[in-house]
């Protein structure tokens, strides 16, 4: 591996390097550098793997413990899977992409919840009344109350000015 550069991050507890071969970023626990802002560096484990370590799960799937940032108390790590085979027919695990399944399930659950909310709003706010012919009138969730113009004019009078405004032009 040919190193192009490296950087210390996470209060000098993680050293990240990039290489010329695949332009990938490789992070591992920094060695021989005192930590800043922490008495000692927190754990950099992803389950059984340490930061930067990889394990082959199948002949075409490698899992790596990668750096995912840090906060004031800990170093964040994440397990990432990488396909190591170039052939589409190789043993790369499940044939269906898990992201597609999660997206489809999320969409279906969201649509189901939206339907439940819509039915609840209609039952709560939609007022259905029957006329003498036993037909259901259309309704809207945002229906405004009807206004009685005659009653308004009796209570408040006309909005027209009582005395016309006359301008004398000389």
Protein backbone atom coordinates (compact mmCIF):
# COMPACT_ATOMS: atom_id res chain seq x y z
CA UNK A 1 0.00 0.00 0.00
CA UNK A 2 1.41 3.37 -1.05
CA UNK A 3 0.40 6.14 1.36
CA UNK A 4 -0.41 9.51 -0.12
CA UNK A 5 -1.43 11.31 3.03
CA UNK A 6 -2.69 10.83 6.54
CA UNK A 7 -4.60 12.88 9.07
CA UNK A 8 -5.28 12.60 12.78
CA UNK A 9 -8.86 13.02 13.94
CA UNK A 10 -11.03 12.26 16.98
CA UNK A 11 -8.74 14.17 19.33
CA UNK A 12 -5.63 12.41 17.90
CA UNK A 13 -7.08 8.93 18.58
CA UNK A 14 -7.75 7.96 14.93
CA UNK A 15 -5.33 8.12 12.03
CA UNK A 16 -6.84 8.05 8.53
CA UNK A 17 -4.79 7.42 5.40
CA UNK A 18 -5.61 7.31 1.72
CA UNK A 19 -3.84 5.12 -0.80
CA UNK A 20 -3.09 5.46 -4.49
CA UNK A 21 -4.39 2.04 -5.54
CA UNK A 22 -8.12 2.47 -4.85
CA UNK A 23 -8.31 6.03 -3.46
CA UNK A 24 -10.01 4.56 -0.40
CA UNK A 25 -9.79 6.03 3.07
CA UNK A 26 -8.39 3.65 5.68
CA UNK A 27 -8.71 4.62 9.33
CA UNK A 28 -7.19 2.90 12.35
CA UNK A 29 -6.43 3.63 15.97
CA UNK A 30 -3.54 6.10 16.18
CA UNK A 31 -0.38 4.75 17.80
CA UNK A 32 2.22 6.78 19.69
CA UNK A 33 0.30 10.08 19.66
CA UNK A 34 -1.09 11.52 22.91
CA UNK A 35 -4.83 12.13 22.93
CA UNK A 36 -6.10 15.69 23.23
CA UNK A 37 -9.26 16.63 25.17
CA UNK A 38 -9.53 13.05 26.51
CA UNK A 39 -7.55 11.37 29.29
CA UNK A 40 -7.31 8.29 27.07
CA UNK A 41 -8.80 7.28 23.73
CA UNK A 42 -12.23 5.61 23.88
CA UNK A 43 -12.93 2.22 22.33
CA UNK A 44 -12.75 1.85 18.57
CA UNK A 45 -14.49 -1.53 18.34
CA UNK A 46 -17.25 -2.72 15.98
CA UNK A 47 -18.40 -5.81 17.80
CA UNK A 48 -15.48 -8.27 17.51
CA UNK A 49 -13.51 -6.13 15.05
CA UNK A 50 -11.26 -3.20 15.84
CA UNK A 51 -11.20 -0.02 13.75
CA UNK A 52 -9.63 -0.76 10.36
CA UNK A 53 -9.90 -4.56 10.64
CA UNK A 54 -11.70 -6.66 8.01
CA UNK A 55 -13.08 -10.18 7.86
CA UNK A 56 -14.31 -12.16 4.84
CA UNK A 57 -17.87 -13.35 5.49
CA UNK A 58 -18.16 -15.26 2.21
CA UNK A 59 -15.93 -15.70 -0.79
CA UNK A 60 -17.23 -12.41 -2.20
CA UNK A 61 -18.21 -10.36 0.86
CA UNK A 62 -15.83 -8.57 3.20
CA UNK A 63 -16.92 -6.70 6.35
CA UNK A 64 -14.78 -3.86 7.67
CA UNK A 65 -14.92 -1.80 10.86
CA UNK A 66 -14.87 1.78 9.52
CA UNK A 67 -14.58 5.20 11.16
CA UNK A 68 -17.84 7.18 11.28
CA UNK A 69 -16.84 10.29 13.27
CA UNK A 70 -16.72 11.17 16.94
CA UNK A 71 -18.54 13.20 19.56
CA UNK A 72 -17.50 14.55 22.95
CA UNK A 73 -17.61 11.11 24.59
CA UNK A 74 -16.86 8.41 22.04
CA UNK A 75 -15.49 7.41 18.67
CA UNK A 76 -18.20 6.28 16.26
CA UNK A 77 -17.63 3.19 14.14
CA UNK A 78 -19.73 1.30 11.61
CA UNK A 79 -19.54 -2.13 9.99
CA UNK A 80 -19.51 -1.85 6.19
CA UNK A 81 -19.85 -4.65 3.67
CA UNK A 82 -17.91 -4.67 0.43
CA UNK A 83 -18.24 -7.06 -2.49
CA UNK A 84 -14.86 -8.47 -3.48
CA UNK A 85 -16.04 -10.38 -6.58
CA UNK A 86 -16.32 -8.96 -10.05
CA UNK A 87 -18.58 -11.66 -11.51
CA UNK A 88 -22.34 -11.19 -11.17
CA UNK A 89 -22.83 -14.92 -10.74
CA UNK A 90 -20.46 -15.19 -7.79
CA UNK A 91 -21.56 -15.93 -4.25
CA UNK A 92 -22.30 -12.39 -3.09
CA UNK A 93 -24.96 -13.24 -0.55
CA UNK A 94 -28.68 -12.64 -1.01
CA UNK A 95 -29.84 -11.95 -4.56
CA UNK A 96 -32.28 -9.19 -3.56
CA UNK A 97 -30.82 -5.85 -2.53
CA UNK A 98 -31.69 -5.21 1.14
CA UNK A 99 -32.00 -1.44 0.53
CA UNK A 100 -34.78 -2.05 -1.99
CA UNK A 101 -36.65 -4.27 0.47
CA UNK A 102 -36.31 -1.72 3.28
CA UNK A 103 -37.44 1.10 0.99
CA UNK A 104 -40.48 -0.83 -0.25
CA UNK A 105 -41.49 -1.83 3.29
CA UNK A 106 -41.05 1.75 4.54
CA UNK A 107 -43.20 3.06 1.71
CA UNK A 108 -45.92 0.49 2.37
CA UNK A 109 -45.96 1.24 6.10
CA UNK A 110 -46.06 4.98 5.40
CA UNK A 111 -48.98 4.58 3.00
CA UNK A 112 -50.82 2.40 5.52
CA UNK A 113 -50.34 4.99 8.29
CA UNK A 114 -51.46 7.80 5.97
CA UNK A 115 -54.66 5.87 5.21
CA UNK A 116 -55.33 5.37 8.93
CA UNK A 117 -54.83 9.09 9.61
CA UNK A 118 -57.07 10.02 6.68
CA UNK A 119 -59.88 7.75 7.89
CA UNK A 120 -59.51 9.13 11.42
CA UNK A 121 -59.72 12.74 10.14
CA UNK A 122 -62.81 11.98 8.09
CA UNK A 123 -64.53 10.30 11.02
CA UNK A 124 -63.50 13.11 13.37
CA UNK A 125 -64.09 16.22 11.27
CA UNK A 126 -66.20 15.20 8.28
CA UNK A 127 -69.88 15.83 8.88
CA UNK A 128 -72.17 13.75 6.74
CA UNK A 129 -75.81 14.70 6.66
CA UNK A 130 -78.73 13.11 4.90
CA UNK A 131 -81.36 15.14 3.10
CA UNK A 132 -84.97 14.10 2.67
CA UNK A 133 -84.07 11.80 -0.24
CA UNK A 134 -81.64 9.82 1.95
CA UNK A 135 -78.67 10.75 -0.22
CA UNK A 136 -75.37 11.57 1.35
CA UNK A 137 -74.14 15.10 0.73
CA UNK A 138 -70.54 15.70 -0.20
CA UNK A 139 -68.34 17.12 2.52
CA UNK A 140 -64.88 18.51 2.94
CA UNK A 141 -62.46 18.49 5.87
CA UNK A 142 -61.91 22.22 5.32
CA UNK A 143 -65.56 23.15 4.87
CA UNK A 144 -66.42 26.68 5.94
CA UNK A 145 -69.64 27.31 7.81
CA UNK A 146 -72.38 28.74 5.60
CA UNK A 147 -73.12 32.42 6.12
CA UNK A 148 -76.57 33.88 6.45
CA UNK A 149 -76.38 37.24 4.66
CA UNK A 150 -79.87 38.34 5.67
CA UNK A 151 -79.16 37.83 9.38
CA UNK A 152 -75.81 39.63 9.05
CA UNK A 153 -77.44 42.69 7.45
CA UNK A 154 -80.17 42.75 10.13
CA UNK A 155 -77.57 42.60 12.94
CA UNK A 156 -74.92 44.92 11.53
CA UNK A 157 -76.64 46.94 8.84
CA UNK A 158 -75.40 47.77 5.38
CA UNK A 159 -71.69 48.24 4.80
CA UNK A 160 -72.39 51.04 2.32
CA UNK A 161 -71.68 54.54 3.64
CA UNK A 162 -74.77 56.22 5.13
CA UNK A 163 -73.96 59.62 3.63
CA UNK A 164 -72.52 59.80 0.16
CA UNK A 165 -69.22 61.56 -0.06
CA UNK A 166 -69.49 64.47 -2.45
CA UNK A 167 -66.51 66.36 -3.75
CA UNK A 168 -67.04 69.85 -5.05
CA UNK A 169 -64.67 70.63 -7.85
CA UNK A 170 -64.33 74.31 -8.49
